[in-house]
Amino acid sequence: MLELIRHWLVGITCAAMLVALGESLIPAGSIRRIARLTGGLVLLAAILNPLLKLDTTALTRALTEYKLELSAYSADLEEENEILMKVRRIYSGQGGRPGHRLPSYGGGGRGGRVAYSTVGYRHGQPDGRAAGGAGADH
């Protein structure tokens, strides 16, 4: 795909350079206006060339495959969401331990943040201390 785009851009650049060279060699007057029009049409043809060579069957096939993958992914997400909602209902007092609640996503906790434990992950030590022995609060 990148090779195709590179080839397209090189074609446009070459066409622009040829049009600029042609315009610089043509004397002023009505012939120059005709040359500018012709140069513009050449540049337009260079820009639209990939659209003329577009394989619509391959594009249709790729879009169909994309839609199928998207629908499968959407079904997986719906299934996962349903499982998460069941877990949330269990832990929000509708079957779990009384008073034990899960934090809400995107704004639970104090100040809009959800606090997560970092024990065992800070500075590689299980108690959260730095390797030098002094505790670090980050």
N, C-alpha and C. Protein backbone atom coordinates (compact mmCIF):
# COMPACT_ATOMS: atom_id res chain seq x y z
N MET A 1 0.83 -1.19 0.00
CA MET A 1 0.00 0.00 0.00
C MET A 1 0.87 1.26 0.00
N LEU A 2 1.89 1.25 0.84
CA LEU A 2 2.79 2.41 0.88
C LEU A 2 3.56 2.56 -0.43
N GLU A 3 3.88 1.44 -1.05
CA GLU A 3 4.58 1.49 -2.33
C GLU A 3 3.68 2.13 -3.39
N LEU A 4 2.39 1.82 -3.34
CA LEU A 4 1.44 2.41 -4.28
C LEU A 4 1.33 3.92 -4.08
N ILE A 5 1.26 4.35 -2.84
CA ILE A 5 1.19 5.79 -2.55
C ILE A 5 2.46 6.49 -2.97
N ARG A 6 3.61 5.85 -2.70
CA ARG A 6 4.89 6.45 -3.11
C ARG A 6 4.96 6.60 -4.63
N HIS A 7 4.53 5.58 -5.34
CA HIS A 7 4.55 5.62 -6.81
C HIS A 7 3.62 6.73 -7.32
N TRP A 8 2.46 6.88 -6.68
CA TRP A 8 1.50 7.90 -7.07
C TRP A 8 2.08 9.29 -6.85
N LEU A 9 2.72 9.50 -5.69
CA LEU A 9 3.30 10.81 -5.39
C LEU A 9 4.47 11.14 -6.32
N VAL A 10 5.26 10.14 -6.67
CA VAL A 10 6.37 10.37 -7.61
C VAL A 10 5.81 10.77 -8.98
N GLY A 11 4.73 10.13 -9.39
CA GLY A 11 4.11 10.49 -10.67
C GLY A 11 3.59 11.92 -10.68
N ILE A 12 2.96 12.32 -9.59
CA ILE A 12 2.46 13.71 -9.50
C ILE A 12 3.62 14.69 -9.51
N THR A 13 4.68 14.37 -8.78
CA THR A 13 5.85 15.26 -8.71
C THR A 13 6.49 15.41 -10.09
N CYS A 14 6.65 14.30 -10.81
CA CYS A 14 7.25 14.37 -12.15
C CYS A 14 6.37 15.17 -13.10
N ALA A 15 5.07 14.96 -13.02
CA ALA A 15 4.16 15.72 -13.89
C ALA A 15 4.24 17.21 -13.56
N ALA A 16 4.30 17.56 -12.28
CA ALA A 16 4.39 18.97 -11.89
C ALA A 16 5.70 19.59 -12.38
N MET A 17 6.79 18.84 -12.30
CA MET A 17 8.07 19.37 -12.77
C MET A 17 8.06 19.58 -14.29
N LEU A 18 7.46 18.65 -15.02
CA LEU A 18 7.39 18.80 -16.48
C LEU A 18 6.50 19.98 -16.86
N VAL A 19 5.39 20.15 -16.16
CA VAL A 19 4.50 21.29 -16.44
C VAL A 19 5.21 22.60 -16.14
N ALA A 20 5.93 22.67 -15.03
CA ALA A 20 6.65 23.90 -14.67
C ALA A 20 7.75 24.19 -15.69
N LEU A 21 8.46 23.16 -16.14
CA LEU A 21 9.50 23.36 -17.15
C LEU A 21 8.88 23.85 -18.46
N GLY A 22 7.76 23.25 -18.86
CA GLY A 22 7.09 23.66 -20.09
C GLY A 22 6.60 25.10 -20.01
N GLU A 23 6.04 25.48 -18.86
CA GLU A 23 5.55 26.85 -18.71
C GLU A 23 6.69 27.86 -18.75
N SER A 24 7.83 27.49 -18.21
CA SER A 24 8.95 28.45 -18.21
C SER A 24 9.54 28.64 -19.60
N LEU A 25 9.39 27.66 -20.48
CA LEU A 25 9.95 27.77 -21.83
C LEU A 25 9.01 28.45 -22.82
N ILE A 26 7.74 28.54 -22.50
CA ILE A 26 6.76 29.11 -23.44
C ILE A 26 6.71 30.63 -23.28
N PRO A 27 6.70 31.36 -24.38
CA PRO A 27 6.65 32.82 -24.29
C PRO A 27 5.27 33.30 -23.80
N ALA A 28 5.25 34.52 -23.28
CA ALA A 28 4.01 35.10 -22.76
C ALA A 28 3.02 35.31 -23.89
N GLY A 29 1.74 35.30 -23.52
CA GLY A 29 0.69 35.53 -24.51
C GLY A 29 -0.37 34.45 -24.42
N SER A 30 -1.13 34.37 -25.52
CA SER A 30 -2.25 33.42 -25.51
C SER A 30 -1.76 31.97 -25.51
N ILE A 31 -0.61 31.72 -26.08
CA ILE A 31 -0.07 30.35 -26.09
C ILE A 31 0.27 29.91 -24.66
N ARG A 32 0.75 30.83 -23.85
CA ARG A 32 1.07 30.49 -22.45
C ARG A 32 -0.19 30.10 -21.68
N ARG A 33 -1.31 30.80 -21.95
CA ARG A 33 -2.57 30.46 -21.27
C ARG A 33 -3.04 29.06 -21.68
N ILE A 34 -2.88 28.75 -22.95
CA ILE A 34 -3.25 27.41 -23.42
C ILE A 34 -2.33 26.36 -22.80
N ALA A 35 -1.07 26.69 -22.66
CA ALA A 35 -0.12 25.76 -22.05
C ALA A 35 -0.44 25.55 -20.56
N ARG A 36 -0.85 26.60 -19.87
CA ARG A 36 -1.25 26.47 -18.46
C ARG A 36 -2.47 25.56 -18.32
N LEU A 37 -3.44 25.74 -19.22
CA LEU A 37 -4.63 24.89 -19.19
C LEU A 37 -4.24 23.43 -19.45
N THR A 38 -3.39 23.21 -20.43
CA THR A 38 -2.94 21.86 -20.74
C THR A 38 -2.15 21.28 -19.57
N GLY A 39 -1.30 22.08 -18.97
CA GLY A 39 -0.53 21.62 -17.81
C GLY A 39 -1.42 21.26 -16.64
N GLY A 40 -2.47 22.06 -16.41
CA GLY A 40 -3.42 21.75 -15.35
C GLY A 40 -4.14 20.44 -15.60
N LEU A 41 -4.50 20.19 -16.86
CA LEU A 41 -5.16 18.93 -17.20
C LEU A 41 -4.21 17.74 -17.02
N VAL A 42 -2.94 17.94 -17.35
CA VAL A 42 -1.95 16.87 -17.15
C VAL A 42 -1.80 16.56 -15.66
N LEU A 43 -1.74 17.60 -14.83
CA LEU A 43 -1.65 17.39 -13.38
C LEU A 43 -2.90 16.71 -12.84
N LEU A 44 -4.06 17.11 -13.34
CA LEU A 44 -5.30 16.49 -12.92
C LEU A 44 -5.33 15.01 -13.29
N ALA A 45 -4.85 14.70 -14.48
CA ALA A 45 -4.78 13.29 -14.91
C ALA A 45 -3.82 12.50 -14.03
N ALA A 46 -2.70 13.11 -13.64
CA ALA A 46 -1.74 12.42 -12.77
C ALA A 46 -2.33 12.17 -11.39
N ILE A 47 -3.13 13.10 -10.90
CA ILE A 47 -3.74 12.95 -9.57
C ILE A 47 -4.84 11.89 -9.61
N LEU A 48 -5.65 11.89 -10.66
CA LEU A 48 -6.78 10.98 -10.75
C LEU A 48 -6.44 9.61 -11.32
N ASN A 49 -5.22 9.40 -11.76
CA ASN A 49 -4.81 8.15 -12.37
C ASN A 49 -5.10 6.93 -11.48
N PRO A 50 -4.81 6.93 -10.18
CA PRO A 50 -5.11 5.74 -9.37
C PRO A 50 -6.60 5.42 -9.30
N LEU A 51 -7.45 6.44 -9.37
CA LEU A 51 -8.89 6.18 -9.33
C LEU A 51 -9.35 5.46 -10.60
N LEU A 52 -8.70 5.74 -11.71
CA LEU A 52 -9.07 5.08 -12.95
C LEU A 52 -8.64 3.62 -12.96
N LYS A 53 -7.58 3.30 -12.23
CA LYS A 53 -7.07 1.94 -12.16
C LYS A 53 -7.61 1.16 -10.96
N LEU A 54 -8.55 1.73 -10.24
CA LEU A 54 -9.07 1.13 -9.02
C LEU A 54 -9.82 -0.17 -9.32
N ASP A 55 -9.47 -1.21 -8.58
CA ASP A 55 -10.12 -2.51 -8.72
C ASP A 55 -11.31 -2.55 -7.76
N THR A 56 -12.50 -2.32 -8.28
CA THR A 56 -13.68 -2.22 -7.41
C THR A 56 -14.06 -3.55 -6.78
N THR A 57 -13.78 -4.67 -7.44
CA THR A 57 -14.12 -5.97 -6.85
C THR A 57 -13.25 -6.24 -5.63
N ALA A 58 -11.97 -5.91 -5.71
CA ALA A 58 -11.09 -6.12 -4.56
C ALA A 58 -11.48 -5.19 -3.41
N LEU A 59 -11.86 -3.97 -3.75
CA LEU A 59 -12.29 -3.02 -2.72
C LEU A 59 -13.57 -3.50 -2.05
N THR A 60 -14.52 -4.00 -2.82
CA THR A 60 -15.76 -4.53 -2.26
C THR A 60 -15.48 -5.73 -1.37
N ARG A 61 -14.58 -6.60 -1.80
CA ARG A 61 -14.22 -7.78 -1.01
C ARG A 61 -13.57 -7.36 0.31
N ALA A 62 -12.68 -6.39 0.26
CA ALA A 62 -12.01 -5.92 1.48
C ALA A 62 -13.00 -5.28 2.44
N LEU A 63 -13.94 -4.49 1.91
CA LEU A 63 -14.95 -3.87 2.77
C LEU A 63 -15.87 -4.91 3.40
N THR A 64 -16.22 -5.95 2.64
CA THR A 64 -17.06 -7.02 3.19
C THR A 64 -16.34 -7.75 4.30
N GLU A 65 -15.06 -8.07 4.10
CA GLU A 65 -14.28 -8.74 5.14
C GLU A 65 -14.17 -7.85 6.38
N TYR A 66 -14.01 -6.56 6.17
CA TYR A 66 -13.91 -5.62 7.30
C TYR A 66 -15.21 -5.61 8.09
N LYS A 67 -16.35 -5.59 7.39
CA LYS A 67 -17.64 -5.59 8.06
C LYS A 67 -17.86 -6.87 8.86
N LEU A 68 -17.44 -8.01 8.30
CA LEU A 68 -17.58 -9.28 9.02
C LEU A 68 -16.71 -9.30 10.28
N GLU A 69 -15.47 -8.83 10.17
CA GLU A 69 -14.60 -8.76 11.34
C GLU A 69 -15.16 -7.80 12.38
N LEU A 70 -15.71 -6.69 11.93
CA LEU A 70 -16.28 -5.71 12.84
C LEU A 70 -17.49 -6.28 13.58
N SER A 71 -18.35 -7.01 12.88
CA SER A 71 -19.51 -7.59 13.54
C SER A 71 -19.10 -8.67 14.53
N ALA A 72 -18.08 -9.47 14.21
CA ALA A 72 -17.59 -10.48 15.15
C ALA A 72 -16.99 -9.81 16.38
N TYR A 73 -16.24 -8.76 16.17
CA TYR A 73 -15.63 -8.02 17.28
C TYR A 73 -16.71 -7.38 18.14
N SER A 74 -17.74 -6.85 17.50
CA SER A 74 -18.84 -6.23 18.23
C SER A 74 -19.57 -7.26 19.08
N ALA A 75 -19.78 -8.46 18.55
CA ALA A 75 -20.44 -9.52 19.32
C ALA A 75 -19.58 -9.92 20.52
N ASP A 76 -18.27 -10.01 20.33
CA ASP A 76 -17.38 -10.33 21.45
C ASP A 76 -17.43 -9.25 22.52
N LEU A 77 -17.46 -7.99 22.10
CA LEU A 77 -17.53 -6.90 23.07
C LEU A 77 -18.85 -6.91 23.83
N GLU A 78 -19.94 -7.21 23.15
CA GLU A 78 -21.23 -7.28 23.83
C GLU A 78 -21.24 -8.40 24.86
N GLU A 79 -20.66 -9.55 24.51
CA GLU A 79 -20.59 -10.67 25.44
C GLU A 79 -19.74 -10.32 26.65
N GLU A 80 -18.60 -9.69 26.42
CA GLU A 80 -17.73 -9.28 27.52
C GLU A 80 -18.40 -8.23 28.40
N ASN A 81 -19.12 -7.31 27.79
CA ASN A 81 -19.84 -6.29 28.54
C ASN A 81 -20.91 -6.93 29.42
N GLU A 82 -21.60 -7.93 28.90
CA GLU A 82 -22.63 -8.61 29.68
C GLU A 82 -22.01 -9.31 30.89
N ILE A 83 -20.86 -9.94 30.70
CA ILE A 83 -20.17 -10.61 31.82
C ILE A 83 -19.75 -9.58 32.86
N LEU A 84 -19.20 -8.45 32.41
CA LEU A 84 -18.77 -7.41 33.35
C LEU A 84 -19.95 -6.82 34.10
N MET A 85 -21.08 -6.67 33.45
CA MET A 85 -22.25 -6.15 34.13
C MET A 85 -22.76 -7.13 35.19
N LYS A 86 -22.68 -8.45 34.92
CA LYS A 86 -23.06 -9.45 35.91
C LYS A 86 -22.14 -9.37 37.12
N VAL A 87 -20.84 -9.25 36.88
CA VAL A 87 -19.88 -9.14 37.98
C VAL A 87 -20.14 -7.87 38.77
N ARG A 88 -20.43 -6.79 38.09
CA ARG A 88 -20.70 -5.52 38.76
C ARG A 88 -21.94 -5.62 39.64
N ARG A 89 -22.99 -6.28 39.14
CA ARG A 89 -24.20 -6.45 39.94
C ARG A 89 -23.93 -7.29 41.18
N ILE A 90 -23.08 -8.30 41.03
CA ILE A 90 -22.76 -9.16 42.18
C ILE A 90 -22.05 -8.35 43.25
N TYR A 91 -21.08 -7.54 42.86
CA TYR A 91 -20.28 -6.80 43.84
C TYR A 91 -20.90 -5.48 44.27
N SER A 92 -21.99 -5.07 43.67
CA SER A 92 -22.59 -3.81 44.08
C SER A 92 -23.70 -4.00 45.09
N GLY A 93 -23.74 -5.13 45.76
CA GLY A 93 -24.72 -5.36 46.81
C GLY A 93 -25.90 -6.18 46.36
N GLN A 94 -25.93 -6.63 45.15
CA GLN A 94 -27.04 -7.43 44.67
C GLN A 94 -26.65 -8.90 44.63
N GLY A 95 -25.94 -9.36 45.62
CA GLY A 95 -25.54 -10.76 45.66
C GLY A 95 -24.13 -10.95 46.16
N GLY A 96 -23.37 -9.89 46.30
CA GLY A 96 -22.01 -9.99 46.80
C GLY A 96 -21.96 -9.63 48.27
N ARG A 97 -20.78 -9.35 48.77
CA ARG A 97 -20.65 -8.94 50.17
C ARG A 97 -21.33 -7.59 50.36
N PRO A 98 -22.06 -7.42 51.46
CA PRO A 98 -22.75 -6.15 51.67
C PRO A 98 -21.77 -5.00 51.80
N GLY A 99 -22.08 -3.93 51.12
CA GLY A 99 -21.27 -2.72 51.23
C GLY A 99 -20.03 -2.72 50.36
N HIS A 100 -19.66 -3.82 49.75
CA HIS A 100 -18.48 -3.86 48.90
C HIS A 100 -18.89 -3.47 47.50
N ARG A 101 -18.32 -2.37 47.00
CA ARG A 101 -18.69 -1.87 45.68
C ARG A 101 -17.46 -1.78 44.79
N LEU A 102 -17.68 -1.98 43.52
CA LEU A 102 -16.62 -1.77 42.54
C LEU A 102 -16.56 -0.29 42.20
N PRO A 103 -15.39 0.25 41.92
CA PRO A 103 -15.33 1.65 41.52
C PRO A 103 -15.96 1.83 40.15
N SER A 104 -16.61 2.96 39.95
CA SER A 104 -17.20 3.22 38.64
C SER A 104 -16.09 3.64 37.70
N TYR A 105 -16.24 3.29 36.45
CA TYR A 105 -15.23 3.61 35.46
C TYR A 105 -15.33 5.08 35.08
N GLY A 106 -14.19 5.76 34.99
CA GLY A 106 -14.13 7.12 34.48
C GLY A 106 -14.60 8.17 35.46
N GLY A 107 -14.43 7.97 36.74
CA GLY A 107 -14.80 9.05 37.62
C GLY A 107 -15.09 8.62 39.04
N GLY A 108 -14.91 7.37 39.36
CA GLY A 108 -15.15 6.92 40.73
C GLY A 108 -14.00 7.31 41.62
N GLY A 109 -14.15 7.15 42.90
CA GLY A 109 -13.07 7.45 43.84
C GLY A 109 -13.04 8.92 44.18
N ARG A 110 -12.02 9.31 44.92
CA ARG A 110 -11.89 10.71 45.34
C ARG A 110 -11.31 11.55 44.22
N GLY A 111 -11.90 12.70 44.06
CA GLY A 111 -11.36 13.65 43.07
C GLY A 111 -11.46 13.13 41.65
N GLY A 112 -12.38 12.21 41.38
CA GLY A 112 -12.53 11.70 40.01
C GLY A 112 -11.51 10.65 39.64
N ARG A 113 -10.72 10.17 40.61
CA ARG A 113 -9.71 9.16 40.31
C ARG A 113 -10.02 7.89 41.07
N VAL A 114 -9.68 6.77 40.49
CA VAL A 114 -9.81 5.49 41.15
C VAL A 114 -8.43 5.11 41.65
N ALA A 115 -8.32 4.81 42.94
CA ALA A 115 -7.02 4.46 43.51
C ALA A 115 -6.77 2.98 43.32
N TYR A 116 -5.62 2.63 42.78
CA TYR A 116 -5.23 1.25 42.60
C TYR A 116 -3.99 0.99 43.43
N SER A 117 -3.87 -0.22 43.93
CA SER A 117 -2.72 -0.57 44.75
C SER A 117 -1.49 -0.74 43.87
N THR A 118 -0.38 -0.19 44.30
CA THR A 118 0.87 -0.35 43.56
C THR A 118 1.86 -1.18 44.35
N VAL A 119 1.40 -1.86 45.39
CA VAL A 119 2.29 -2.68 46.21
C VAL A 119 2.86 -3.77 45.32
N GLY A 120 4.18 -3.93 45.39
CA GLY A 120 4.84 -4.94 44.59
C GLY A 120 5.27 -4.45 43.23
N TYR A 121 4.88 -3.26 42.86
CA TYR A 121 5.22 -2.74 41.55
C TYR A 121 6.08 -1.49 41.60
N ARG A 122 6.15 -0.83 42.74
CA ARG A 122 6.91 0.40 42.84
C ARG A 122 8.37 0.06 43.08
N HIS A 123 9.22 0.49 42.21
CA HIS A 123 10.67 0.33 42.30
C HIS A 123 11.10 -1.12 42.40
N GLY A 124 10.24 -2.05 42.02
CA GLY A 124 10.63 -3.45 42.01
C GLY A 124 10.66 -4.11 43.37
N GLN A 125 10.27 -3.43 44.44
CA GLN A 125 10.29 -4.00 45.78
C GLN A 125 8.86 -4.29 46.23
N PRO A 126 8.63 -5.45 46.90
CA PRO A 126 7.28 -5.79 47.31
C PRO A 126 6.68 -4.81 48.31
N ASP A 127 7.48 -4.14 49.13
CA ASP A 127 6.92 -3.23 50.13
C ASP A 127 6.84 -1.79 49.62
N GLY A 128 7.24 -1.54 48.39
CA GLY A 128 7.14 -0.20 47.83
C GLY A 128 8.32 0.68 48.11
N ARG A 129 9.35 0.15 48.74
CA ARG A 129 10.54 0.98 49.03
C ARG A 129 11.50 0.96 47.84
N ALA A 130 12.25 2.00 47.73
CA ALA A 130 13.26 2.07 46.70
C ALA A 130 14.39 1.11 47.04
N ALA A 131 15.19 0.79 46.07
CA ALA A 131 16.29 -0.16 46.27
C ALA A 131 17.27 0.36 47.32
N GLY A 132 17.38 1.66 47.54
CA GLY A 132 18.30 2.23 48.50
C GLY A 132 17.80 2.12 49.94
N GLY A 133 16.56 1.71 50.12
CA GLY A 133 16.03 1.53 51.46
C GLY A 133 15.05 2.60 51.88
N ALA A 134 15.14 3.79 51.32
CA ALA A 134 14.22 4.88 51.68
C ALA A 134 12.95 4.75 50.87
N GLY A 135 11.83 5.01 51.50
CA GLY A 135 10.54 4.93 50.79
C GLY A 135 10.40 6.09 49.82
N ALA A 136 9.79 5.84 48.71
CA ALA A 136 9.58 6.87 47.68
C ALA A 136 8.10 7.00 47.41
N ASP A 137 7.62 8.19 47.39
CA ASP A 137 6.21 8.43 47.15
C ASP A 137 6.04 9.11 45.81
N HIS A 138 5.60 8.36 44.80
CA HIS A 138 5.42 8.92 43.46
C HIS A 138 3.99 8.92 43.12
